[in-house]
Amino acid sequence: MAYNAANEERTELCAIQKNNRGDFVIATKILNKTTGSVSVDIRQYYTNDDDQVSPTSKGVRFNAENLLELMKALAEALETNEMMDLAEELENLASVDDEDMPE
């Protein structure tokens, strides 16, 4: 089956500047409009001579169902104070989501 970007709805989650040459790491949530499956793509991007940001082949795309397991594993690399900061950020995100929930 051939890749078809038109079947995707992409939502950029974050862009982290790698250096001052215009290189980024960008995380994107991708919804396949045909199958309804959701994946996450974390990829390196570069800025070309025309100042357009373009993807490289360096990156990974995985099913969003595996995101929690990956996040748990990545959290193990954090120092205690960083883990506390992450917990606070997650709590803030959860409270924003709770505001959107019907009573």
C-alpha atoms as a PDB file:
ATOM      1  CA  MET A   1       0.000   0.000   0.000  1.00  0.00           C
ATOM      2  CA  ALA A   2       1.402   3.372  -1.009  1.00  0.00           C
ATOM      3  CA  TYR A   3       1.791   6.230   1.453  1.00  0.00           C
ATOM      4  CA  ASN A   4      -0.806   8.973   0.974  1.00  0.00           C
ATOM      5  CA  ALA A   5      -0.358  12.151   3.046  1.00  0.00           C
ATOM      6  CA  ALA A   6      -3.818  13.359   1.961  1.00  0.00           C
ATOM      7  CA  ASN A   7      -5.311  10.646   4.203  1.00  0.00           C
ATOM      8  CA  GLU A   8      -3.696  12.210   7.269  1.00  0.00           C
ATOM      9  CA  GLU A   9      -4.725  14.955   9.645  1.00  0.00           C
ATOM     10  CA  ARG A  10      -1.604  16.249  11.385  1.00  0.00           C
ATOM     11  CA  THR A  11      -1.445  18.194  14.662  1.00  0.00           C
ATOM     12  CA  GLU A  12       1.936  19.574  15.735  1.00  0.00           C
ATOM     13  CA  LEU A  13       2.481  18.869  19.435  1.00  0.00           C
ATOM     14  CA  CYS A  14       5.796  20.651  19.924  1.00  0.00           C
ATOM     15  CA  ALA A  15       8.834  21.961  18.087  1.00  0.00           C
ATOM     16  CA  ILE A  16      12.144  22.005  19.930  1.00  0.00           C
ATOM     17  CA  GLN A  17      14.972  24.022  18.419  1.00  0.00           C
ATOM     18  CA  LYS A  18      18.119  21.871  18.244  1.00  0.00           C
ATOM     19  CA  ASN A  19      20.644  24.541  17.321  1.00  0.00           C
ATOM     20  CA  ASN A  20      21.011  27.990  15.770  1.00  0.00           C
ATOM     21  CA  ARG A  21      21.248  26.595  12.211  1.00  0.00           C
ATOM     22  CA  GLY A  22      17.491  26.051  11.943  1.00  0.00           C
ATOM     23  CA  ASP A  23      17.334  22.397  12.993  1.00  0.00           C
ATOM     24  CA  PHE A  24      14.339  21.227  15.028  1.00  0.00           C
ATOM     25  CA  VAL A  25      12.820  18.124  16.558  1.00  0.00           C
ATOM     26  CA  ILE A  26       9.076  18.168  15.939  1.00  0.00           C
ATOM     27  CA  ALA A  27       6.493  15.869  17.513  1.00  0.00           C
ATOM     28  CA  THR A  28       3.260  15.432  15.560  1.00  0.00           C
ATOM     29  CA  LYS A  29       0.010  13.575  16.265  1.00  0.00           C
ATOM     30  CA  ILE A  30      -1.303  11.956  13.074  1.00  0.00           C
ATOM     31  CA  LEU A  31      -4.867  10.768  12.488  1.00  0.00           C
ATOM     32  CA  ASN A  32      -5.360   8.425   9.545  1.00  0.00           C
ATOM     33  CA  LYS A  33      -8.669   9.610   8.059  1.00  0.00           C
ATOM     34  CA  THR A  34      -9.280   6.281   6.361  1.00  0.00           C
ATOM     35  CA  THR A  35      -8.680   3.873   9.259  1.00  0.00           C
ATOM     36  CA  GLY A  36      -9.129   6.204  12.233  1.00  0.00           C
ATOM     37  CA  SER A  37      -5.814   5.055  13.702  1.00  0.00           C
ATOM     38  CA  VAL A  38      -3.685   7.579  15.592  1.00  0.00           C
ATOM     39  CA  SER A  39       0.103   7.658  15.563  1.00  0.00           C
ATOM     40  CA  VAL A  40       2.847   9.908  16.860  1.00  0.00           C
ATOM     41  CA  ASP A  41       5.781  11.037  14.723  1.00  0.00           C
ATOM     42  CA  ILE A  42       8.946  12.442  16.308  1.00  0.00           C
ATOM     43  CA  ARG A  43      11.289  13.655  13.600  1.00  0.00           C
ATOM     44  CA  GLN A  44      14.271  15.910  12.960  1.00  0.00           C
ATOM     45  CA  TYR A  45      13.663  18.849  10.638  1.00  0.00           C
ATOM     46  CA  TYR A  46      16.060  21.275   8.982  1.00  0.00           C
ATOM     47  CA  THR A  47      15.723  24.738   7.455  1.00  0.00           C
ATOM     48  CA  ASN A  48      16.707  24.757   3.786  1.00  0.00           C
ATOM     49  CA  ASP A  49      18.272  27.594   1.783  1.00  0.00           C
ATOM     50  CA  ASP A  50      14.781  29.014   1.047  1.00  0.00           C
ATOM     51  CA  ASP A  51      14.025  29.198   4.813  1.00  0.00           C
ATOM     52  CA  GLN A  52      11.502  26.359   4.560  1.00  0.00           C
ATOM     53  CA  VAL A  53      11.470  23.827   7.386  1.00  0.00           C
ATOM     54  CA  SER A  54      11.560  20.299   5.941  1.00  0.00           C
ATOM     55  CA  PRO A  55      11.646  16.811   7.500  1.00  0.00           C
ATOM     56  CA  THR A  56      14.649  14.510   7.435  1.00  0.00           C
ATOM     57  CA  SER A  57      14.571  10.720   7.367  1.00  0.00           C
ATOM     58  CA  LYS A  58      15.768  10.713  10.992  1.00  0.00           C
ATOM     59  CA  GLY A  59      12.774  10.033  13.163  1.00  0.00           C
ATOM     60  CA  VAL A  60      10.267   7.510  14.334  1.00  0.00           C
ATOM     61  CA  ARG A  61       6.521   7.013  13.937  1.00  0.00           C
ATOM     62  CA  PHE A  62       4.630   4.696  16.258  1.00  0.00           C
ATOM     63  CA  ASN A  63       1.059   3.820  17.163  1.00  0.00           C
ATOM     64  CA  ALA A  64      -0.320   6.165  19.829  1.00  0.00           C
ATOM     65  CA  GLU A  65      -1.435   3.088  21.815  1.00  0.00           C
ATOM     66  CA  ASN A  66       2.260   2.655  22.744  1.00  0.00           C
ATOM     67  CA  LEU A  67       2.675   6.262  23.932  1.00  0.00           C
ATOM     68  CA  LEU A  68       2.034   5.620  27.635  1.00  0.00           C
ATOM     69  CA  GLU A  69       4.603   2.813  27.741  1.00  0.00           C
ATOM     70  CA  LEU A  70       7.164   5.006  25.975  1.00  0.00           C
ATOM     71  CA  MET A  71       6.490   7.955  28.288  1.00  0.00           C
ATOM     72  CA  LYS A  72       6.962   5.748  31.357  1.00  0.00           C
ATOM     73  CA  ALA A  73      10.305   4.545  30.009  1.00  0.00           C
ATOM     74  CA  LEU A  74      11.443   8.083  29.170  1.00  0.00           C
ATOM     75  CA  ALA A  75      10.445   9.301  32.640  1.00  0.00           C
ATOM     76  CA  GLU A  76      13.020   6.905  34.098  1.00  0.00           C
ATOM     77  CA  ALA A  77      15.725   9.076  32.516  1.00  0.00           C
ATOM     78  CA  LEU A  78      14.601  12.132  34.503  1.00  0.00           C
ATOM     79  CA  GLU A  79      16.140  13.420  37.702  1.00  0.00           C
ATOM     80  CA  THR A  80      13.822  13.657  40.718  1.00  0.00           C
ATOM     81  CA  ASN A  81      13.255  17.410  40.358  1.00  0.00           C
ATOM     82  CA  GLU A  82      12.523  17.004  36.641  1.00  0.00           C
ATOM     83  CA  MET A  83      10.041  14.235  37.436  1.00  0.00           C
ATOM     84  CA  MET A  84       8.286  16.555  39.908  1.00  0.00           C
ATOM     85  CA  ASP A  85       8.110  19.272  37.226  1.00  0.00           C
ATOM     86  CA  LEU A  86       6.636  16.741  34.790  1.00  0.00           C
ATOM     87  CA  ALA A  87       4.057  15.628  37.369  1.00  0.00           C
ATOM     88  CA  GLU A  88       3.017  19.262  37.834  1.00  0.00           C
ATOM     89  CA  GLU A  89       2.691  19.770  34.070  1.00  0.00           C
ATOM     90  CA  LEU A  90       0.598  16.600  33.744  1.00  0.00           C
ATOM     91  CA  GLU A  91      -1.638  17.742  36.582  1.00  0.00           C
ATOM     92  CA  ASN A  92      -2.150  21.087  34.828  1.00  0.00           C
ATOM     93  CA  LEU A  93      -3.028  19.310  31.577  1.00  0.00           C
ATOM     94  CA  ALA A  94      -5.498  17.052  33.383  1.00  0.00           C
ATOM     95  CA  SER A  95      -7.236  20.019  35.003  1.00  0.00           C
ATOM     96  CA  VAL A  96      -7.633  21.702  31.600  1.00  0.00           C
ATOM     97  CA  ASP A  97      -9.168  18.491  30.209  1.00  0.00           C
ATOM     98  CA  ASP A  98     -11.511  18.278  33.233  1.00  0.00           C
ATOM     99  CA  GLU A  99     -12.860  21.753  32.409  1.00  0.00           C
ATOM    100  CA  ASP A 100     -13.914  20.470  28.979  1.00  0.00           C
ATOM    101  CA  MET A 101     -15.809  17.508  30.461  1.00  0.00           C
ATOM    102  CA  PRO A 102     -19.614  17.789  30.761  1.00  0.00           C
ATOM    103  CA  GLU A 103     -20.988  17.568  34.313  1.00  0.00           C
END
